[in-house]
Structures are given as structure tokens and as C-alpha cells.
Amino acid sequence: MRPTRRGGRAEAYADILSRYGLAELTANGYSKPRSQDELGMALAGPFGAKFVEVRVDAELGLVRIARIVSVIDGGRNLNEKTARSQIVGGTVGGIGMALFEDTITDARSGRITNGTFGDYLIPVNADVPDMDVVFVGDRGRGSPIGTKGIGEVGLVGIAAAVTNAVHHATGKRIRSLPVTLDALL
């Protein structure tokens, strides 16, 4: 045992396990989330705002992403590096949705004609710009540890932000994905 800064005592986890002859210790727990009535307000999940800047080659009809900024309120952030990676991964998925991914079917047979990864286009490193990911907000009040979850919020909104940036750059409103050359002409 050793004293702590707050006047308590602490013991290393490994020492406790050794004393009881255990290799590890597992436990189950349960925490009931507080209701809206208990909180006095509506529960809210994560939120995200996406900003996209594009470069459009009018002659070739190519859209390149120049810059992306994602501002995320995901509640308490337990691991900044992992959280940022989650947002970056979702953002790359959103770029793919907006500019590359398309399921092509044969009108006569109804069969998918690009049914392999060799035929299905997704973004590669050259298609992905450096990204700014900013975490804002405070602890989520509906969770005992203040988290909200950021599993999907990285993807949501990217395709819309890309098509709106294309509209801003070209004046053409894109209403289907992916953004294609014929949609830009």
C-alpha cells in the first residue's frame, strides 16, 4: 500500500491479483441510464457539422476534395486518438459514397455488374485530403460516464457536404450519388 495525493491509500492491481492467486479479474456491472424526466431535459446523441471544399475540373468533370473539417459533439471523449480515427474512417466512407461508390445493375437481368471489389470503386489515399477533426461539447448527461457514441457521426453528412460544395463551385445541384461527369455537364 502506498499513500495517494488525496490522503487515501492505493495498491497496484498486479499486487492484489498476486495476493489472491489470480491471473485476471473480471466483473459484470449494470447502470441504468437516467431518463429524460430525471434529467429534466431531452436526451441527445452525438452531433456533427461537416465543412467540405472541392476543386472541380470543368473540362474533365473531375471532383477533388481539397479540404474537410469535421466538428463533433460526441460527449466525453475516452480516447482522442481512437475517436479521431473513427471520424476519419467515417469521412473516407462518406467521400466514397459521394464520389465513387455505385451499384450498377444490368437492366435486362437485374444482376449486379460490378459485384466484386475489383469493379467497385472506393477512395484511395490520393482521394483523401488532410482532415481537421475538432471535438466540442460536454459530457453526455444520459450516460453514467458522459459518452454519447461516435460510431456513425463521422459518415453522416459528408456526402451532402460534398454535393453542396460541388453546387457552390459549379452552380449545379446534384441530387443523386455518386457525383458523375454526366451530372456535372
N, C-alpha and C. Protein backbone atom coordinates (compact mmCIF):
# COMPACT_ATOMS: atom_id res chain seq x y z
N MET A 1 0.85 -1.19 0.00
CA MET A 1 0.00 0.00 0.00
C MET A 1 0.88 1.24 0.00
N ARG A 2 0.40 2.23 -0.71
CA ARG A 2 1.12 3.50 -0.74
C ARG A 2 0.11 4.62 -0.60
N PRO A 3 0.53 5.74 -0.02
CA PRO A 3 -0.41 6.86 0.13
C PRO A 3 -0.66 7.53 -1.22
N THR A 4 -1.83 8.12 -1.35
CA THR A 4 -2.17 8.88 -2.56
C THR A 4 -2.13 10.36 -2.25
N ARG A 5 -2.21 11.18 -3.29
CA ARG A 5 -2.18 12.63 -3.11
C ARG A 5 -3.39 13.14 -2.33
N ARG A 6 -4.48 12.42 -2.39
CA ARG A 6 -5.70 12.87 -1.70
C ARG A 6 -5.81 12.31 -0.28
N GLY A 7 -4.76 11.66 0.19
CA GLY A 7 -4.77 11.16 1.56
C GLY A 7 -5.27 9.74 1.70
N GLY A 8 -5.66 9.11 0.62
CA GLY A 8 -6.11 7.72 0.67
C GLY A 8 -4.95 6.77 0.50
N ARG A 9 -5.27 5.50 0.26
CA ARG A 9 -4.24 4.51 0.04
C ARG A 9 -4.51 3.80 -1.28
N ALA A 10 -3.44 3.40 -1.94
CA ALA A 10 -3.56 2.72 -3.22
C ALA A 10 -2.67 1.50 -3.23
N GLU A 11 -3.07 0.53 -4.04
CA GLU A 11 -2.27 -0.68 -4.19
C GLU A 11 -2.29 -1.06 -5.66
N ALA A 12 -1.17 -1.55 -6.16
CA ALA A 12 -1.07 -1.93 -7.57
C ALA A 12 -2.00 -3.10 -7.86
N TYR A 13 -2.64 -3.06 -9.00
CA TYR A 13 -3.56 -4.10 -9.44
C TYR A 13 -2.86 -5.46 -9.47
N ALA A 14 -1.63 -5.50 -9.98
CA ALA A 14 -0.87 -6.75 -10.07
C ALA A 14 -0.62 -7.34 -8.68
N ASP A 15 -0.38 -6.49 -7.67
CA ASP A 15 -0.15 -6.98 -6.31
C ASP A 15 -1.40 -7.62 -5.72
N ILE A 16 -2.55 -7.04 -5.99
CA ILE A 16 -3.82 -7.59 -5.49
C ILE A 16 -4.07 -8.96 -6.12
N LEU A 17 -3.88 -9.06 -7.44
CA LEU A 17 -4.08 -10.34 -8.12
C LEU A 17 -3.13 -11.41 -7.59
N SER A 18 -1.88 -11.03 -7.39
CA SER A 18 -0.88 -11.97 -6.89
C SER A 18 -1.25 -12.48 -5.50
N ARG A 19 -1.71 -11.59 -4.64
CA ARG A 19 -2.08 -11.96 -3.27
C ARG A 19 -3.18 -13.02 -3.25
N TYR A 20 -4.10 -12.96 -4.21
CA TYR A 20 -5.22 -13.90 -4.24
C TYR A 20 -5.01 -15.03 -5.26
N GLY A 21 -3.82 -15.09 -5.87
CA GLY A 21 -3.51 -16.16 -6.80
C GLY A 21 -4.31 -16.11 -8.09
N LEU A 22 -4.62 -14.92 -8.56
CA LEU A 22 -5.42 -14.76 -9.78
C LEU A 22 -4.57 -14.20 -10.91
N ALA A 23 -4.87 -14.67 -12.14
CA ALA A 23 -4.19 -14.13 -13.32
C ALA A 23 -4.91 -12.87 -13.81
N GLU A 24 -6.21 -12.84 -13.59
CA GLU A 24 -7.01 -11.69 -14.01
C GLU A 24 -8.27 -11.62 -13.17
N LEU A 25 -8.95 -10.52 -13.25
CA LEU A 25 -10.20 -10.35 -12.54
C LEU A 25 -11.21 -9.75 -13.51
N THR A 26 -12.35 -10.38 -13.61
CA THR A 26 -13.41 -9.84 -14.45
C THR A 26 -14.65 -9.64 -13.60
N ALA A 27 -15.47 -8.71 -14.00
CA ALA A 27 -16.70 -8.43 -13.27
C ALA A 27 -17.75 -7.92 -14.25
N ASN A 28 -18.98 -8.10 -13.89
CA ASN A 28 -20.09 -7.57 -14.67
C ASN A 28 -20.76 -6.48 -13.87
N GLY A 29 -21.28 -5.50 -14.56
CA GLY A 29 -21.97 -4.41 -13.89
C GLY A 29 -23.16 -3.95 -14.71
N TYR A 30 -23.99 -3.18 -14.10
CA TYR A 30 -25.16 -2.65 -14.79
C TYR A 30 -25.39 -1.23 -14.31
N SER A 31 -25.70 -0.37 -15.22
CA SER A 31 -26.03 1.00 -14.88
C SER A 31 -27.25 1.40 -15.69
N LYS A 32 -28.27 1.80 -15.02
CA LYS A 32 -29.49 2.21 -15.71
C LYS A 32 -29.34 3.67 -16.14
N PRO A 33 -29.44 3.93 -17.45
CA PRO A 33 -29.36 5.32 -17.91
C PRO A 33 -30.49 6.16 -17.31
N ARG A 34 -30.17 7.40 -17.03
CA ARG A 34 -31.19 8.29 -16.48
C ARG A 34 -32.19 8.66 -17.56
N SER A 35 -33.44 8.80 -17.17
CA SER A 35 -34.49 9.13 -18.13
C SER A 35 -34.55 10.64 -18.37
N GLN A 36 -35.30 11.02 -19.40
CA GLN A 36 -35.50 12.44 -19.70
C GLN A 36 -36.14 13.15 -18.51
N ASP A 37 -37.06 12.46 -17.84
CA ASP A 37 -37.72 13.07 -16.69
C ASP A 37 -36.74 13.32 -15.55
N GLU A 38 -35.84 12.35 -15.31
CA GLU A 38 -34.85 12.52 -14.26
C GLU A 38 -33.87 13.64 -14.59
N LEU A 39 -33.54 13.77 -15.87
CA LEU A 39 -32.60 14.81 -16.29
C LEU A 39 -33.25 16.17 -16.39
N GLY A 40 -34.56 16.19 -16.61
CA GLY A 40 -35.25 17.45 -16.81
C GLY A 40 -35.02 18.03 -18.19
N MET A 41 -34.58 17.18 -19.11
CA MET A 41 -34.33 17.62 -20.49
C MET A 41 -34.33 16.40 -21.41
N ALA A 42 -34.46 16.65 -22.70
CA ALA A 42 -34.43 15.57 -23.67
C ALA A 42 -33.01 15.02 -23.81
N LEU A 43 -32.92 13.72 -24.01
CA LEU A 43 -31.63 13.10 -24.24
C LEU A 43 -31.18 13.41 -25.66
N ALA A 44 -29.91 13.63 -25.84
CA ALA A 44 -29.38 13.94 -27.17
C ALA A 44 -28.19 13.05 -27.47
N GLY A 45 -28.13 12.59 -28.69
CA GLY A 45 -26.99 11.80 -29.13
C GLY A 45 -25.90 12.70 -29.66
N PRO A 46 -24.97 12.12 -30.40
CA PRO A 46 -23.88 12.93 -30.94
C PRO A 46 -24.36 13.83 -32.07
N PHE A 47 -23.64 14.90 -32.28
CA PHE A 47 -23.92 15.82 -33.38
C PHE A 47 -22.62 16.06 -34.13
N GLY A 48 -22.74 16.40 -35.41
CA GLY A 48 -21.56 16.72 -36.19
C GLY A 48 -21.87 17.78 -37.22
N ALA A 49 -20.91 18.64 -37.46
CA ALA A 49 -21.00 19.63 -38.54
C ALA A 49 -19.84 19.35 -39.48
N LYS A 50 -20.13 19.32 -40.78
CA LYS A 50 -19.11 18.99 -41.78
C LYS A 50 -18.93 20.15 -42.75
N PHE A 51 -17.69 20.47 -43.04
CA PHE A 51 -17.34 21.53 -43.98
C PHE A 51 -16.43 20.92 -45.03
N VAL A 52 -16.81 21.08 -46.30
CA VAL A 52 -16.04 20.48 -47.39
C VAL A 52 -15.74 21.53 -48.44
N GLU A 53 -14.49 21.55 -48.90
CA GLU A 53 -14.09 22.40 -50.02
C GLU A 53 -13.66 21.48 -51.16
N VAL A 54 -14.18 21.73 -52.37
CA VAL A 54 -13.84 20.90 -53.51
C VAL A 54 -13.18 21.72 -54.61
N ARG A 55 -12.47 21.03 -55.48
CA ARG A 55 -11.94 21.60 -56.71
C ARG A 55 -12.59 20.81 -57.84
N VAL A 56 -13.17 21.50 -58.80
CA VAL A 56 -13.85 20.84 -59.91
C VAL A 56 -13.15 21.21 -61.21
N ASP A 57 -12.72 20.20 -61.96
CA ASP A 57 -12.16 20.42 -63.30
C ASP A 57 -13.34 20.40 -64.26
N ALA A 58 -13.71 21.58 -64.77
CA ALA A 58 -14.89 21.71 -65.61
C ALA A 58 -14.75 20.95 -66.92
N GLU A 59 -13.54 20.86 -67.46
CA GLU A 59 -13.34 20.17 -68.74
C GLU A 59 -13.45 18.66 -68.60
N LEU A 60 -12.89 18.12 -67.53
CA LEU A 60 -12.91 16.68 -67.33
C LEU A 60 -14.05 16.20 -66.44
N GLY A 61 -14.69 17.13 -65.75
CA GLY A 61 -15.77 16.75 -64.84
C GLY A 61 -15.28 16.02 -63.61
N LEU A 62 -14.04 16.28 -63.21
CA LEU A 62 -13.48 15.62 -62.03
C LEU A 62 -13.68 16.47 -60.79
N VAL A 63 -14.09 15.83 -59.73
CA VAL A 63 -14.25 16.50 -58.44
C VAL A 63 -13.17 15.98 -57.51
N ARG A 64 -12.41 16.88 -56.93
CA ARG A 64 -11.38 16.52 -55.95
C ARG A 64 -11.70 17.22 -54.64
N ILE A 65 -11.57 16.51 -53.56
CA ILE A 65 -11.78 17.09 -52.25
C ILE A 65 -10.50 17.84 -51.87
N ALA A 66 -10.62 19.13 -51.58
CA ALA A 66 -9.46 19.93 -51.20
C ALA A 66 -9.28 19.98 -49.68
N ARG A 67 -10.40 20.01 -48.96
CA ARG A 67 -10.30 20.18 -47.50
C ARG A 67 -11.59 19.69 -46.86
N ILE A 68 -11.45 19.08 -45.70
CA ILE A 68 -12.61 18.66 -44.91
C ILE A 68 -12.35 19.02 -43.45
N VAL A 69 -13.36 19.60 -42.82
CA VAL A 69 -13.34 19.86 -41.39
C VAL A 69 -14.57 19.21 -40.79
N SER A 70 -14.38 18.40 -39.76
CA SER A 70 -15.50 17.80 -39.03
C SER A 70 -15.45 18.31 -37.60
N VAL A 71 -16.55 18.86 -37.15
CA VAL A 71 -16.68 19.31 -35.76
C VAL A 71 -17.69 18.39 -35.10
N ILE A 72 -17.29 17.70 -34.05
CA ILE A 72 -18.08 16.63 -33.47
C ILE A 72 -18.35 16.88 -31.99
N ASP A 73 -19.63 16.75 -31.62
CA ASP A 73 -20.00 16.69 -30.20
C ASP A 73 -20.37 15.25 -29.92
N GLY A 74 -19.43 14.51 -29.37
CA GLY A 74 -19.65 13.11 -29.06
C GLY A 74 -19.65 12.83 -27.57
N GLY A 75 -19.87 13.86 -26.77
CA GLY A 75 -19.84 13.67 -25.33
C GLY A 75 -18.41 13.55 -24.83
N ARG A 76 -18.25 12.92 -23.69
CA ARG A 76 -16.92 12.73 -23.11
C ARG A 76 -16.10 11.83 -24.03
N ASN A 77 -14.91 12.27 -24.33
CA ASN A 77 -14.03 11.55 -25.24
C ASN A 77 -13.09 10.66 -24.42
N LEU A 78 -13.25 9.35 -24.52
CA LEU A 78 -12.44 8.44 -23.72
C LEU A 78 -11.04 8.23 -24.29
N ASN A 79 -10.90 8.34 -25.61
CA ASN A 79 -9.60 8.14 -26.25
C ASN A 79 -9.56 8.99 -27.51
N GLU A 80 -8.89 10.12 -27.44
CA GLU A 80 -8.88 11.10 -28.54
C GLU A 80 -8.35 10.50 -29.85
N LYS A 81 -7.31 9.71 -29.77
CA LYS A 81 -6.72 9.14 -30.99
C LYS A 81 -7.69 8.18 -31.67
N THR A 82 -8.30 7.30 -30.90
CA THR A 82 -9.26 6.36 -31.45
C THR A 82 -10.50 7.08 -31.97
N ALA A 83 -10.96 8.08 -31.23
CA ALA A 83 -12.14 8.84 -31.66
C ALA A 83 -11.86 9.55 -32.98
N ARG A 84 -10.69 10.16 -33.10
CA ARG A 84 -10.33 10.83 -34.36
C ARG A 84 -10.28 9.83 -35.50
N SER A 85 -9.69 8.66 -35.26
CA SER A 85 -9.62 7.62 -36.29
C SER A 85 -11.01 7.18 -36.73
N GLN A 86 -11.94 7.09 -35.79
CA GLN A 86 -13.32 6.72 -36.12
C GLN A 86 -13.94 7.76 -37.05
N ILE A 87 -13.72 9.04 -36.75
CA ILE A 87 -14.28 10.11 -37.58
C ILE A 87 -13.61 10.13 -38.95
N VAL A 88 -12.30 9.96 -39.00
CA VAL A 88 -11.59 9.92 -40.29
C VAL A 88 -12.10 8.76 -41.14
N GLY A 89 -12.25 7.58 -40.54
CA GLY A 89 -12.75 6.42 -41.28
C GLY A 89 -14.15 6.65 -41.83
N GLY A 90 -15.03 7.22 -41.02
CA GLY A 90 -16.37 7.54 -41.49
C GLY A 90 -16.36 8.57 -42.60
N THR A 91 -15.45 9.54 -42.49
CA THR A 91 -15.34 10.58 -43.50
C THR A 91 -14.88 10.00 -44.83
N VAL A 92 -13.93 9.08 -44.79
CA VAL A 92 -13.48 8.42 -46.03
C VAL A 92 -14.65 7.64 -46.64
N GLY A 93 -15.45 6.99 -45.81
CA GLY A 93 -16.64 6.31 -46.31
C GLY A 93 -17.60 7.28 -46.97
N GLY A 94 -17.75 8.47 -46.40
CA GLY A 94 -18.62 9.50 -46.98
C GLY A 94 -18.09 10.02 -48.31
N ILE A 95 -16.77 10.13 -48.43
CA ILE A 95 -16.16 10.53 -49.71
C ILE A 95 -16.48 9.47 -50.76
N GLY A 96 -16.33 8.21 -50.39
CA GLY A 96 -16.65 7.12 -51.31
C GLY A 96 -18.10 7.16 -51.74
N MET A 97 -19.00 7.37 -50.79
CA MET A 97 -20.42 7.46 -51.09
C MET A 97 -20.70 8.60 -52.08
N ALA A 98 -20.05 9.73 -51.87
CA ALA A 98 -20.32 10.91 -52.68
C ALA A 98 -19.72 10.83 -54.08
N LEU A 99 -18.53 10.26 -54.21
CA LEU A 99 -17.80 10.38 -55.48
C LEU A 99 -17.53 9.07 -56.22
N PHE A 100 -17.60 7.92 -55.55
CA PHE A 100 -17.15 6.69 -56.20
C PHE A 100 -18.15 5.55 -56.19
N GLU A 101 -18.71 5.25 -55.05
CA GLU A 101 -19.44 4.00 -54.87
C GLU A 101 -20.76 4.01 -55.63
N ASP A 102 -20.94 2.99 -56.44
CA ASP A 102 -22.15 2.87 -57.24
C ASP A 102 -22.41 1.39 -57.50
N THR A 103 -23.63 0.97 -57.31
CA THR A 103 -24.02 -0.39 -57.63
C THR A 103 -24.70 -0.36 -58.99
N ILE A 104 -24.08 -1.00 -59.96
CA ILE A 104 -24.59 -0.97 -61.33
C ILE A 104 -25.29 -2.30 -61.62
N THR A 105 -26.53 -2.21 -62.07
CA THR A 105 -27.29 -3.42 -62.38
C THR A 105 -27.57 -3.50 -63.88
N ASP A 106 -27.62 -4.71 -64.38
CA ASP A 106 -27.99 -4.97 -65.77
C ASP A 106 -29.50 -4.83 -65.87
N ALA A 107 -29.97 -3.94 -66.73
CA ALA A 107 -31.40 -3.66 -66.85
C ALA A 107 -32.18 -4.89 -67.32
N ARG A 108 -31.56 -5.76 -68.10
CA ARG A 108 -32.27 -6.93 -68.61
C ARG A 108 -32.37 -8.05 -67.58
N SER A 109 -31.27 -8.31 -66.87
CA SER A 109 -31.27 -9.45 -65.95
C SER A 109 -31.46 -9.06 -64.49
N GLY A 110 -31.21 -7.79 -64.17
CA GLY A 110 -31.29 -7.36 -62.78
C GLY A 110 -30.07 -7.73 -61.96
N ARG A 111 -29.07 -8.33 -62.60
CA ARG A 111 -27.86 -8.74 -61.90
C ARG A 111 -26.93 -7.56 -61.69
N ILE A 112 -26.21 -7.60 -60.60
CA ILE A 112 -25.21 -6.57 -60.31
C ILE A 112 -23.99 -6.83 -61.19
N THR A 113 -23.58 -5.81 -61.95
CA THR A 113 -22.47 -6.00 -62.88
C THR A 113 -21.12 -5.62 -62.28
N ASN A 114 -21.11 -4.93 -61.17
CA ASN A 114 -19.84 -4.60 -60.51
C ASN A 114 -19.83 -5.22 -59.11
N GLY A 115 -20.03 -6.52 -59.08
CA GLY A 115 -20.21 -7.23 -57.82
C GLY A 115 -18.94 -7.70 -57.14
N THR A 116 -17.76 -7.25 -57.61
CA THR A 116 -16.52 -7.63 -56.94
C THR A 116 -15.79 -6.36 -56.50
N PHE A 117 -14.86 -6.52 -55.58
CA PHE A 117 -14.09 -5.36 -55.14
C PHE A 117 -13.19 -4.83 -56.26
N GLY A 118 -12.91 -5.66 -57.26
CA GLY A 118 -12.14 -5.20 -58.40
C GLY A 118 -12.92 -4.22 -59.27
N ASP A 119 -14.23 -4.30 -59.22
CA ASP A 119 -15.09 -3.43 -60.04
C ASP A 119 -15.76 -2.32 -59.25
N TYR A 120 -15.69 -2.39 -57.94
CA TYR A 120 -16.39 -1.44 -57.08
C TYR A 120 -15.40 -0.39 -56.60
N LEU A 121 -15.59 0.84 -57.02
CA LEU A 121 -14.62 1.89 -56.71
C LEU A 121 -14.81 2.45 -55.30
N ILE A 122 -13.71 2.61 -54.60
CA ILE A 122 -13.70 3.25 -53.29
C ILE A 122 -12.52 4.23 -53.25
N PRO A 123 -12.52 5.17 -52.32
CA PRO A 123 -11.41 6.14 -52.26
C PRO A 123 -10.09 5.47 -51.91
N VAL A 124 -9.02 6.02 -52.47
CA VAL A 124 -7.66 5.62 -52.11
C VAL A 124 -6.98 6.84 -51.49
N ASN A 125 -5.76 6.69 -51.01
CA ASN A 125 -5.07 7.79 -50.33
C ASN A 125 -5.08 9.08 -51.12
N ALA A 126 -4.88 9.00 -52.43
CA ALA A 126 -4.83 10.21 -53.26
C ALA A 126 -6.17 10.95 -53.29
N ASP A 127 -7.25 10.27 -52.94
CA ASP A 127 -8.58 10.89 -52.95
C ASP A 127 -8.95 11.54 -51.63
N VAL A 128 -8.12 11.32 -50.62
CA VAL A 128 -8.46 11.76 -49.26
C VAL A 128 -7.52 12.88 -48.83
N PRO A 129 -8.06 14.07 -48.56
CA PRO A 129 -7.20 15.18 -48.13
C PRO A 129 -6.87 15.06 -46.64
N ASP A 130 -5.96 15.90 -46.17
CA ASP A 130 -5.78 16.02 -44.73
C ASP A 130 -7.10 16.53 -44.15
N MET A 131 -7.43 16.05 -42.99
CA MET A 131 -8.70 16.43 -42.37
C MET A 131 -8.46 17.06 -41.02
N ASP A 132 -9.28 18.05 -40.72
CA ASP A 132 -9.31 18.61 -39.38
C ASP A 132 -10.50 18.00 -38.66
N VAL A 133 -10.25 17.41 -37.51
CA VAL A 133 -11.32 16.87 -36.68
C VAL A 133 -11.26 17.60 -35.36
N VAL A 134 -12.35 18.25 -34.99
CA VAL A 134 -12.42 19.03 -33.77
C VAL A 134 -13.53 18.46 -32.90
N PHE A 135 -13.21 18.16 -31.65
CA PHE A 135 -14.22 17.67 -30.71
C PHE A 135 -14.65 18.81 -29.80
N VAL A 136 -15.95 19.00 -29.70
CA VAL A 136 -16.51 20.04 -28.85
C VAL A 136 -17.60 19.42 -27.98
N GLY A 137 -18.18 20.21 -27.13
CA GLY A 137 -19.30 19.73 -26.32
C GLY A 137 -18.85 19.28 -24.95
N ASP A 138 -19.83 18.81 -24.21
CA ASP A 138 -19.54 18.39 -22.85
C ASP A 138 -20.01 16.97 -22.64
N ARG A 139 -19.94 16.53 -21.42
CA ARG A 139 -20.35 15.17 -21.07
C ARG A 139 -21.81 14.94 -21.44
N GLY A 140 -22.09 13.79 -22.01
CA GLY A 140 -23.47 13.41 -22.27
C GLY A 140 -24.17 13.10 -20.96
N ARG A 141 -25.30 13.70 -20.74
CA ARG A 141 -25.98 13.54 -19.44
C ARG A 141 -26.76 12.23 -19.34
N GLY A 142 -26.99 11.56 -20.45
CA GLY A 142 -27.76 10.32 -20.42
C GLY A 142 -26.93 9.09 -20.13
N SER A 143 -25.62 9.25 -20.02
CA SER A 143 -24.72 8.13 -19.80
C SER A 143 -23.99 8.32 -18.47
N PRO A 144 -23.82 7.26 -17.71
CA PRO A 144 -23.11 7.39 -16.43
C PRO A 144 -21.68 7.88 -16.58
N ILE A 145 -21.05 7.62 -17.72
CA ILE A 145 -19.66 8.06 -17.91
C ILE A 145 -19.57 9.25 -18.86
N GLY A 146 -20.71 9.78 -19.30
CA GLY A 146 -20.71 11.01 -20.09
C GLY A 146 -20.45 10.86 -21.57
N THR A 147 -20.49 9.63 -22.08
CA THR A 147 -20.25 9.42 -23.51
C THR A 147 -21.55 9.48 -24.29
N LYS A 148 -21.44 9.75 -25.58
CA LYS A 148 -22.61 9.74 -26.47
C LYS A 148 -22.46 8.72 -27.58
N GLY A 149 -21.26 8.39 -27.96
CA GLY A 149 -21.04 7.46 -29.07
C GLY A 149 -20.80 8.21 -30.37
N ILE A 150 -19.81 7.77 -31.12
CA ILE A 150 -19.49 8.46 -32.37
C ILE A 150 -19.37 7.49 -33.54
N GLY A 151 -20.03 6.35 -33.44
CA GLY A 151 -19.90 5.33 -34.48
C GLY A 151 -20.29 5.76 -35.87
N GLU A 152 -21.38 6.47 -36.01
CA GLU A 152 -21.87 6.84 -37.34
C GLU A 152 -21.66 8.30 -37.68
N VAL A 153 -21.45 9.15 -36.71
CA VAL A 153 -21.46 10.59 -36.94
C VAL A 153 -20.32 11.06 -37.86
N GLY A 154 -19.27 10.25 -38.03
CA GLY A 154 -18.21 10.60 -38.97
C GLY A 154 -18.66 10.51 -40.41
N LEU A 155 -19.53 9.56 -40.71
CA LEU A 155 -20.03 9.34 -42.07
C LEU A 155 -21.19 10.28 -42.41
N VAL A 156 -22.08 10.44 -41.46
CA VAL A 156 -23.31 11.19 -41.71
C VAL A 156 -22.99 12.64 -42.09
N GLY A 157 -23.52 13.06 -43.20
CA GLY A 157 -23.38 14.45 -43.62
C GLY A 157 -22.27 14.72 -44.62
N ILE A 158 -21.32 13.79 -44.77
CA ILE A 158 -20.20 14.05 -45.68
C ILE A 158 -20.68 14.12 -47.13
N ALA A 159 -21.48 13.16 -47.58
CA ALA A 159 -21.95 13.17 -48.97
C ALA A 159 -22.74 14.43 -49.27
N ALA A 160 -23.58 14.85 -48.33
CA ALA A 160 -24.36 16.08 -48.52
C ALA A 160 -23.43 17.29 -48.58
N ALA A 161 -22.42 17.32 -47.73
CA ALA A 161 -21.48 18.45 -47.73
C ALA A 161 -20.68 18.48 -49.04
N VAL A 162 -20.32 17.32 -49.57
CA VAL A 162 -19.60 17.26 -50.85
C VAL A 162 -20.49 17.78 -51.98
N THR A 163 -21.73 17.30 -52.05
CA THR A 163 -22.61 17.75 -53.14
C THR A 163 -22.94 19.23 -53.01
N ASN A 164 -23.06 19.73 -51.80
CA ASN A 164 -23.29 21.17 -51.63
C ASN A 164 -22.05 21.98 -52.02
N ALA A 165 -20.87 21.45 -51.76
CA ALA A 165 -19.64 22.13 -52.19
C ALA A 165 -19.54 22.13 -53.72
N VAL A 166 -19.95 21.02 -54.35
CA VAL A 166 -19.98 20.96 -55.82
C VAL A 166 -20.97 22.00 -56.35
N HIS A 167 -22.11 22.12 -55.71
CA HIS A 167 -23.10 23.13 -56.12
C HIS A 167 -22.51 24.53 -55.98
N HIS A 168 -21.83 24.78 -54.89
CA HIS A 168 -21.21 26.09 -54.67
C HIS A 168 -20.16 26.38 -55.75
N ALA A 169 -19.40 25.36 -56.15
CA ALA A 169 -18.33 25.54 -57.13
C ALA A 169 -18.85 25.64 -58.57
N THR A 170 -19.95 24.93 -58.87
CA THR A 170 -20.40 24.84 -60.27
C THR A 170 -21.76 25.46 -60.54
N GLY A 171 -22.54 25.64 -59.49
CA GLY A 171 -23.91 26.11 -59.69
C GLY A 171 -24.88 24.99 -60.03
N LYS A 172 -24.40 23.75 -60.14
CA LYS A 172 -25.26 22.61 -60.46
C LYS A 172 -25.63 21.87 -59.19
N ARG A 173 -26.92 21.64 -59.03
CA ARG A 173 -27.42 20.91 -57.86
C ARG A 173 -27.42 19.42 -58.19
N ILE A 174 -26.68 18.65 -57.42
CA ILE A 174 -26.59 17.20 -57.62
C ILE A 174 -27.58 16.53 -56.67
N ARG A 175 -28.43 15.66 -57.22
CA ARG A 175 -29.47 15.04 -56.40
C ARG A 175 -29.38 13.51 -56.35
N SER A 176 -28.30 12.95 -56.88
CA SER A 176 -28.10 11.51 -56.76
C SER A 176 -26.60 11.24 -56.62
N LEU A 177 -26.30 10.12 -56.02
CA LEU A 177 -24.90 9.75 -55.77
C LEU A 177 -24.55 8.51 -56.56
N PRO A 178 -23.30 8.37 -56.94
CA PRO A 178 -22.21 9.31 -56.77
C PRO A 178 -22.29 10.46 -57.76
N VAL A 179 -21.53 11.52 -57.49
CA VAL A 179 -21.45 12.65 -58.42
C VAL A 179 -20.70 12.15 -59.66
N THR A 180 -21.33 12.26 -60.81
CA THR A 180 -20.74 11.74 -62.05
C THR A 180 -20.53 12.86 -63.06
N LEU A 181 -19.74 12.56 -64.08
CA LEU A 181 -19.46 13.51 -65.14
C LEU A 181 -20.75 13.99 -65.80
N ASP A 182 -21.65 13.07 -66.13
CA ASP A 182 -22.89 13.48 -66.81
C ASP A 182 -23.76 14.36 -65.93
N ALA A 183 -23.67 14.22 -64.62
CA ALA A 183 -24.45 15.10 -63.73
C ALA A 183 -23.88 16.51 -63.73
N LEU A 184 -22.57 16.63 -63.99
CA LEU A 184 -21.93 17.94 -63.98
C LEU A 184 -22.05 18.68 -65.32
N LEU A 185 -22.34 17.95 -66.40
CA LEU A 185 -22.46 18.59 -67.72
C LEU A 185 -23.80 19.25 -67.92
